[in-house]
C-alpha atoms as a PDB file:
ATOM      1  CA  UNK A   1     132.351 105.959  47.017  1.00  0.00           C
ATOM      2  CA  UNK A   2     133.972 108.799  45.093  1.00  0.00           C
ATOM      3  CA  UNK A   3     137.447 107.853  46.395  1.00  0.00           C
ATOM      4  CA  UNK A   4     136.895 104.223  45.354  1.00  0.00           C
ATOM      5  CA  UNK A   5     135.874 105.305  41.853  1.00  0.00           C
ATOM      6  CA  UNK A   6     138.894 107.604  41.569  1.00  0.00           C
ATOM      7  CA  UNK A   7     141.286 104.851  42.611  1.00  0.00           C
ATOM      8  CA  UNK A   8     139.650 102.420  40.176  1.00  0.00           C
ATOM      9  CA  UNK A   9     140.108 104.891  37.307  1.00  0.00           C
ATOM     10  CA  UNK A  10     143.733 105.499  38.260  1.00  0.00           C
ATOM     11  CA  UNK A  11     144.377 101.769  38.459  1.00  0.00           C
ATOM     12  CA  UNK A  12     142.811 101.165  35.024  1.00  0.00           C
ATOM     13  CA  UNK A  13     144.899 103.976  33.533  1.00  0.00           C
ATOM     14  CA  UNK A  14     148.004 102.444  35.082  1.00  0.00           C
ATOM     15  CA  UNK A  15     147.193  99.050  33.541  1.00  0.00           C
ATOM     16  CA  UNK A  16     146.623 100.652  30.126  1.00  0.00           C
ATOM     17  CA  UNK A  17     149.968 102.441  30.418  1.00  0.00           C
ATOM     18  CA  UNK A  18     151.717  99.169  31.274  1.00  0.00           C
ATOM     19  CA  UNK A  19     150.148  97.470  28.267  1.00  0.00           C
ATOM     20  CA  UNK A  20     151.229 100.303  25.964  1.00  0.00           C
ATOM     21  CA  UNK A  21     154.806 100.290  27.306  1.00  0.00           C
ATOM     22  CA  UNK A  22     154.926  96.500  26.979  1.00  0.00           C
ATOM     23  CA  UNK A  23     153.843  96.640  23.347  1.00  0.00           C
ATOM     24  CA  UNK A  24     156.171  99.510  22.508  1.00  0.00           C
ATOM     25  CA  UNK A  25     159.154  97.843  24.117  1.00  0.00           C
ATOM     26  CA  UNK A  26     158.836  94.420  22.485  1.00  0.00           C
ATOM     27  CA  UNK A  27     162.421  93.332  22.159  1.00  0.00           C
ATOM     28  CA  UNK A  28     164.076  93.685  18.775  1.00  0.00           C
ATOM     29  CA  UNK A  29     166.581  91.057  17.724  1.00  0.00           C
ATOM     30  CA  UNK A  30     170.127  92.055  16.813  1.00  0.00           C
ATOM     31  CA  UNK A  31     169.656  91.726  13.019  1.00  0.00           C
ATOM     32  CA  UNK A  32     169.137  94.914  11.026  1.00  0.00           C
ATOM     33  CA  UNK A  33     167.995  95.208   7.416  1.00  0.00           C
ATOM     34  CA  UNK A  34     168.477  98.258   5.211  1.00  0.00           C
ATOM     35  CA  UNK A  35     166.357  98.983   2.151  1.00  0.00           C
ATOM     36  CA  UNK A  36     168.128 101.458  -0.137  1.00  0.00           C
ATOM     37  CA  UNK A  37     165.443 103.261  -2.140  1.00  0.00           C
ATOM     38  CA  UNK A  38     165.625 106.034  -4.703  1.00  0.00           C
ATOM     39  CA  UNK A  39     164.402 108.378  -1.940  1.00  0.00           C
ATOM     40  CA  UNK A  40     166.755 107.294   0.836  1.00  0.00           C
ATOM     41  CA  UNK A  41     167.437 104.400   3.188  1.00  0.00           C
ATOM     42  CA  UNK A  42     165.058 102.666   5.598  1.00  0.00           C
ATOM     43  CA  UNK A  43     166.494 100.439   8.326  1.00  0.00           C
ATOM     44  CA  UNK A  44     164.453  98.030  10.409  1.00  0.00           C
ATOM     45  CA  UNK A  45     164.794  95.260  12.958  1.00  0.00           C
ATOM     46  CA  UNK A  46     162.767  92.134  13.714  1.00  0.00           C
ATOM     47  CA  UNK A  47     160.659  90.871  16.638  1.00  0.00           C
ATOM     48  CA  UNK A  48     161.699  87.179  16.744  1.00  0.00           C
ATOM     49  CA  UNK A  49     159.863  86.559  20.024  1.00  0.00           C
ATOM     50  CA  UNK A  50     156.622  88.033  18.658  1.00  0.00           C
ATOM     51  CA  UNK A  51     156.478  86.369  15.228  1.00  0.00           C
ATOM     52  CA  UNK A  52     159.298  83.787  14.912  1.00  0.00           C
ATOM     53  CA  UNK A  53     158.057  82.028  11.754  1.00  0.00           C
ATOM     54  CA  UNK A  54     157.364  85.317   9.982  1.00  0.00           C
ATOM     55  CA  UNK A  55     160.765  86.701  10.943  1.00  0.00           C
ATOM     56  CA  UNK A  56     162.562  83.554   9.719  1.00  0.00           C
ATOM     57  CA  UNK A  57     160.759  83.734   6.381  1.00  0.00           C
ATOM     58  CA  UNK A  58     161.186  87.470   5.819  1.00  0.00           C
ATOM     59  CA  UNK A  59     164.837  87.495   6.856  1.00  0.00           C
ATOM     60  CA  UNK A  60     165.537  84.601   4.476  1.00  0.00           C
ATOM     61  CA  UNK A  61     163.910  86.582   1.654  1.00  0.00           C
ATOM     62  CA  UNK A  62     166.224  89.488   2.508  1.00  0.00           C
ATOM     63  CA  UNK A  63     169.330  87.270   2.635  1.00  0.00           C
ATOM     64  CA  UNK A  64     168.449  85.822  -0.779  1.00  0.00           C
ATOM     65  CA  UNK A  65     168.127  89.330  -2.221  1.00  0.00           C
ATOM     66  CA  UNK A  66     164.449  88.893  -3.048  1.00  0.00           C
ATOM     67  CA  UNK A  67     163.509  92.504  -2.309  1.00  0.00           C
ATOM     68  CA  UNK A  68     166.134  93.975  -4.647  1.00  0.00           C
ATOM     69  CA  UNK A  69     164.430  95.894  -7.504  1.00  0.00           C
ATOM     70  CA  UNK A  70     161.043  95.490  -5.781  1.00  0.00           C
ATOM     71  CA  UNK A  71     158.977  98.604  -4.971  1.00  0.00           C
ATOM     72  CA  UNK A  72     156.469 100.332  -2.698  1.00  0.00           C
ATOM     73  CA  UNK A  73     153.200 100.060  -4.617  1.00  0.00           C
ATOM     74  CA  UNK A  74     151.146 101.894  -1.996  1.00  0.00           C
ATOM     75  CA  UNK A  75     151.775 105.065   0.010  1.00  0.00           C
ATOM     76  CA  UNK A  76     148.795 106.286   2.007  1.00  0.00           C
ATOM     77  CA  UNK A  77     149.943 109.289   4.063  1.00  0.00           C
ATOM     78  CA  UNK A  78     149.415 108.789   7.789  1.00  0.00           C
ATOM     79  CA  UNK A  79     148.450 105.144   7.250  1.00  0.00           C
ATOM     80  CA  UNK A  80     150.861 102.766   5.447  1.00  0.00           C
ATOM     81  CA  UNK A  81     153.633 102.443   2.893  1.00  0.00           C
ATOM     82  CA  UNK A  82     153.265  98.945   1.464  1.00  0.00           C
ATOM     83  CA  UNK A  83     155.929  96.861  -0.266  1.00  0.00           C
ATOM     84  CA  UNK A  84     154.739  94.737  -3.185  1.00  0.00           C
ATOM     85  CA  UNK A  85     154.889  90.958  -3.196  1.00  0.00           C
ATOM     86  CA  UNK A  86     158.292  90.027  -4.609  1.00  0.00           C
ATOM     87  CA  UNK A  87     156.594  87.757  -7.143  1.00  0.00           C
ATOM     88  CA  UNK A  88     155.441  90.297  -9.675  1.00  0.00           C
ATOM     89  CA  UNK A  89     156.817  93.330  -7.848  1.00  0.00           C
ATOM     90  CA  UNK A  90     160.472  93.055  -8.871  1.00  0.00           C
ATOM     91  CA  UNK A  91     161.982  94.423 -12.042  1.00  0.00           C
ATOM     92  CA  UNK A  92     164.584  91.622 -12.096  1.00  0.00           C
ATOM     93  CA  UNK A  93     163.444  87.991 -12.487  1.00  0.00           C
ATOM     94  CA  UNK A  94     163.651  85.664  -9.488  1.00  0.00           C
ATOM     95  CA  UNK A  95     166.048  82.731  -9.607  1.00  0.00           C
ATOM     96  CA  UNK A  96     164.839  79.262  -8.581  1.00  0.00           C
ATOM     97  CA  UNK A  97     165.963  79.536  -4.961  1.00  0.00           C
ATOM     98  CA  UNK A  98     164.378  82.971  -4.540  1.00  0.00           C
ATOM     99  CA  UNK A  99     161.110  81.830  -6.119  1.00  0.00           C
ATOM    100  CA  UNK A 100     160.916  78.740  -3.909  1.00  0.00           C
ATOM    101  CA  UNK A 101     161.059  80.876  -0.764  1.00  0.00           C
ATOM    102  CA  UNK A 102     158.876  83.658  -2.188  1.00  0.00           C
ATOM    103  CA  UNK A 103     156.057  81.223  -2.966  1.00  0.00           C
ATOM    104  CA  UNK A 104     155.818  80.110   0.671  1.00  0.00           C
ATOM    105  CA  UNK A 105     153.159  81.472   3.004  1.00  0.00           C
ATOM    106  CA  UNK A 106     153.421  81.820   6.764  1.00  0.00           C
ATOM    107  CA  UNK A 107     150.899  81.119   9.483  1.00  0.00           C
ATOM    108  CA  UNK A 108     149.263  84.237  10.927  1.00  0.00           C
ATOM    109  CA  UNK A 109     151.214  85.177  14.066  1.00  0.00           C
ATOM    110  CA  UNK A 110     148.900  87.753  15.613  1.00  0.00           C
ATOM    111  CA  UNK A 111     150.000  89.438  18.830  1.00  0.00           C
ATOM    112  CA  UNK A 112     149.110  92.244  21.234  1.00  0.00           C
ATOM    113  CA  UNK A 113     151.806  94.539  19.795  1.00  0.00           C
ATOM    114  CA  UNK A 114     150.099  97.699  18.551  1.00  0.00           C
ATOM    115  CA  UNK A 115     150.037  99.108  15.036  1.00  0.00           C
ATOM    116  CA  UNK A 116     151.786 102.457  15.495  1.00  0.00           C
ATOM    117  CA  UNK A 117     154.079 104.491  13.244  1.00  0.00           C
ATOM    118  CA  UNK A 118     157.200 102.576  12.228  1.00  0.00           C
ATOM    119  CA  UNK A 119     155.769  99.090  12.807  1.00  0.00           C
ATOM    120  CA  UNK A 120     156.199  96.410  10.108  1.00  0.00           C
ATOM    121  CA  UNK A 121     153.029  94.418   9.466  1.00  0.00           C
ATOM    122  CA  UNK A 122     152.461  91.571   7.001  1.00  0.00           C
ATOM    123  CA  UNK A 123     150.011  91.924   4.152  1.00  0.00           C
ATOM    124  CA  UNK A 124     147.625  89.054   3.458  1.00  0.00           C
ATOM    125  CA  UNK A 125     144.382  88.035   1.774  1.00  0.00           C
ATOM    126  CA  UNK A 126     141.211  87.020   3.615  1.00  0.00           C
ATOM    127  CA  UNK A 127     142.897  83.796   4.713  1.00  0.00           C
ATOM    128  CA  UNK A 128     144.782  84.672   7.939  1.00  0.00           C
ATOM    129  CA  UNK A 129     147.549  82.255   6.915  1.00  0.00           C
ATOM    130  CA  UNK A 130     148.134  83.717   3.446  1.00  0.00           C
ATOM    131  CA  UNK A 131     150.949  86.206   4.210  1.00  0.00           C
ATOM    132  CA  UNK A 132     153.872  85.821   1.826  1.00  0.00           C
ATOM    133  CA  UNK A 133     156.269  88.725   1.165  1.00  0.00           C
ATOM    134  CA  UNK A 134     154.208  91.918   0.903  1.00  0.00           C
ATOM    135  CA  UNK A 135     154.272  94.017   4.047  1.00  0.00           C
ATOM    136  CA  UNK A 136     153.395  97.479   5.273  1.00  0.00           C
ATOM    137  CA  UNK A 137     155.351 100.080   7.193  1.00  0.00           C
ATOM    138  CA  UNK A 138     152.924 101.987   9.392  1.00  0.00           C
ATOM    139  CA  UNK A 139     152.912 105.750   8.814  1.00  0.00           C
ATOM    140  CA  UNK A 140     150.581 106.412  11.725  1.00  0.00           C
ATOM    141  CA  UNK A 141     148.577 104.665  14.419  1.00  0.00           C
ATOM    142  CA  UNK A 142     146.053 102.121  13.087  1.00  0.00           C
ATOM    143  CA  UNK A 143     144.346 100.389  16.034  1.00  0.00           C
ATOM    144  CA  UNK A 144     141.778  98.761  13.718  1.00  0.00           C
ATOM    145  CA  UNK A 145     144.619  96.537  12.407  1.00  0.00           C
ATOM    146  CA  UNK A 146     145.594  95.289  15.885  1.00  0.00           C
ATOM    147  CA  UNK A 147     145.282  91.526  16.205  1.00  0.00           C
ATOM    148  CA  UNK A 148     144.313  91.215  12.516  1.00  0.00           C
ATOM    149  CA  UNK A 149     147.727  91.438  10.835  1.00  0.00           C
ATOM    150  CA  UNK A 150     151.053  89.936  11.931  1.00  0.00           C
ATOM    151  CA  UNK A 151     153.549  92.464  13.281  1.00  0.00           C
ATOM    152  CA  UNK A 152     157.144  91.282  12.840  1.00  0.00           C
ATOM    153  CA  UNK A 153     159.435  94.301  13.178  1.00  0.00           C
ATOM    154  CA  UNK A 154     159.958  98.027  13.487  1.00  0.00           C
ATOM    155  CA  UNK A 155     161.793 100.806  11.651  1.00  0.00           C
ATOM    156  CA  UNK A 156     164.967 101.775  13.510  1.00  0.00           C
ATOM    157  CA  UNK A 157     166.276 104.461  11.135  1.00  0.00           C
ATOM    158  CA  UNK A 158     164.903 106.298   8.117  1.00  0.00           C
ATOM    159  CA  UNK A 159     161.779 108.109   9.272  1.00  0.00           C
ATOM    160  CA  UNK A 160     162.958 111.060   7.166  1.00  0.00           C
ATOM    161  CA  UNK A 161     162.757 108.784   4.105  1.00  0.00           C
ATOM    162  CA  UNK A 162     159.224 107.745   5.031  1.00  0.00           C
ATOM    163  CA  UNK A 163     158.261 111.423   5.302  1.00  0.00           C
ATOM    164  CA  UNK A 164     159.630 112.000   1.795  1.00  0.00           C
ATOM    165  CA  UNK A 165     157.473 109.164   0.498  1.00  0.00           C
ATOM    166  CA  UNK A 166     154.423 110.678   2.161  1.00  0.00           C
ATOM    167  CA  UNK A 167     154.940 113.892   0.187  1.00  0.00           C
ATOM    168  CA  UNK A 168     154.938 112.206  -3.237  1.00  0.00           C
ATOM    169  CA  UNK A 169     151.974 112.667  -5.597  1.00  0.00           C
ATOM    170  CA  UNK A 170     149.492 109.786  -5.535  1.00  0.00           C
ATOM    171  CA  UNK A 171     146.481 108.401  -7.353  1.00  0.00           C
ATOM    172  CA  UNK A 172     143.613 106.290  -6.003  1.00  0.00           C
ATOM    173  CA  UNK A 173     142.762 102.850  -7.383  1.00  0.00           C
ATOM    174  CA  UNK A 174     139.917 101.242  -5.479  1.00  0.00           C
ATOM    175  CA  UNK A 175     140.912 101.164  -1.805  1.00  0.00           C
ATOM    176  CA  UNK A 176     144.587 101.803  -2.557  1.00  0.00           C
ATOM    177  CA  UNK A 177     146.386 105.149  -2.565  1.00  0.00           C
ATOM    178  CA  UNK A 178     149.345 104.632  -4.890  1.00  0.00           C
ATOM    179  CA  UNK A 179     152.350 106.776  -5.862  1.00  0.00           C
ATOM    180  CA  UNK A 180     152.311 108.099  -9.421  1.00  0.00           C
ATOM    181  CA  UNK A 181     156.005 107.237  -9.831  1.00  0.00           C
ATOM    182  CA  UNK A 182     157.836 104.046  -8.931  1.00  0.00           C
ATOM    183  CA  UNK A 183     159.504 103.934  -5.509  1.00  0.00           C
ATOM    184  CA  UNK A 184     162.191 101.340  -6.141  1.00  0.00           C
ATOM    185  CA  UNK A 185     164.076  99.312  -3.569  1.00  0.00           C
ATOM    186  CA  UNK A 186     167.393  99.567  -5.403  1.00  0.00           C
ATOM    187  CA  UNK A 187     169.239  97.152  -3.134  1.00  0.00           C
ATOM    188  CA  UNK A 188     169.196  95.682   0.354  1.00  0.00           C
ATOM    189  CA  UNK A 189     171.740  94.589   2.913  1.00  0.00           C
ATOM    190  CA  UNK A 190     171.743  93.357   6.488  1.00  0.00           C
ATOM    191  CA  UNK A 191     174.070  93.320   9.473  1.00  0.00           C
ATOM    192  CA  UNK A 192     174.110  92.246  13.099  1.00  0.00           C
ATOM    193  CA  UNK A 193     174.327  94.897  15.793  1.00  0.00           C
ATOM    194  CA  UNK A 194     176.145  92.520  18.142  1.00  0.00           C
ATOM    195  CA  UNK A 195     178.773  91.777  15.506  1.00  0.00           C
ATOM    196  CA  UNK A 196     179.116  95.490  14.785  1.00  0.00           C
ATOM    197  CA  UNK A 197     179.830  96.094  18.472  1.00  0.00           C
ATOM    198  CA  UNK A 198     182.447  93.325  18.487  1.00  0.00           C
ATOM    199  CA  UNK A 199     184.060  94.699  15.332  1.00  0.00           C
ATOM    200  CA  UNK A 200     184.247  98.135  16.927  1.00  0.00           C
ATOM    201  CA  UNK A 201     185.842  96.700  20.063  1.00  0.00           C
ATOM    202  CA  UNK A 202     188.356  94.780  17.948  1.00  0.00           C
ATOM    203  CA  UNK A 203     189.166  97.929  15.991  1.00  0.00           C
ATOM    204  CA  UNK A 204     189.762  99.908  19.202  1.00  0.00           C
ATOM    205  CA  UNK A 205     191.904  97.090  20.597  1.00  0.00           C
ATOM    206  CA  UNK A 206     193.975  96.956  17.398  1.00  0.00           C
ATOM    207  CA  UNK A 207     194.557 100.720  17.525  1.00  0.00           C
ATOM    208  CA  UNK A 208     195.616 100.485  21.163  1.00  0.00           C
ATOM    209  CA  UNK A 209     197.966  97.593  20.423  1.00  0.00           C
ATOM    210  CA  UNK A 210     199.465  99.495  17.496  1.00  0.00           C
ATOM    211  CA  UNK A 211     199.979 102.553  19.674  1.00  0.00           C
ATOM    212  CA  UNK A 212     201.595 100.376  22.344  1.00  0.00           C
ATOM    213  CA  UNK A 213     203.946  98.819  19.786  1.00  0.00           C
ATOM    214  CA  UNK A 214     204.981 102.286  18.633  1.00  0.00           C
ATOM    215  CA  UNK A 215     205.756 103.257  22.231  1.00  0.00           C
ATOM    216  CA  UNK A 216     207.717 100.041  22.778  1.00  0.00           C
ATOM    217  CA  UNK A 217     209.720 100.728  19.620  1.00  0.00           C
ATOM    218  CA  UNK A 218     210.397 104.296  20.753  1.00  0.00           C
ATOM    219  CA  UNK A 219     211.671 103.061  24.099  1.00  0.00           C
ATOM    220  CA  UNK A 220     213.782 100.378  22.422  1.00  0.00           C
ATOM    221  CA  UNK A 221     215.384 102.927  20.110  1.00  0.00           C
ATOM    222  CA  UNK A 222     215.977 105.251  23.043  1.00  0.00           C
ATOM    223  CA  UNK A 223     217.484 102.673  25.387  1.00  0.00           C
ATOM    224  CA  UNK A 224     219.106 100.372  22.849  1.00  0.00           C
ATOM    225  CA  UNK A 225     220.281 102.524  19.930  1.00  0.00           C
END
């Protein structure tokens, strides 16, 4: 009986480990977005297979420049750093195209991916389908959010910037812990990791071809002065 119980416990632990690995290794797409803040850069990628509609919407907002001059209105150390809704959060006014996309909401795409540090999770109201453009970057594990908020990406670089934000002075307003000074997203840009790899390969090939041409010219000058 004791052996059976031991094996059952081991098997359950193994299943839990598999679930955790599965959630941690959800595949990121090749697109990368960089938020350049007044405290440093934060880079993140998307989970298109986990939340395709959310990713399409958020990436379009990025491509349109909607997050430029926006800010982090909430920084709760060990919990979340939350980006404001671009309608009302930006210093610069939205143009018509930006506003049209920013006013859209996306259906709640809840998954079994866990809320752990570095995860990107959509903000919303009580309506599960009310997410728009505000989102949180997790600063710690928050299992009580699992299955309640749509996860759509993960930070790939910039944890040192997040740690800087966590050290800033804050004030409390209701349930929100907010920085006492504005944390501005000065600008944003995006790139594709696959394209970057191709560009690097092309650069190496060009250098090799140039070196070969130099050698050919040297041989020509030597043999045919």
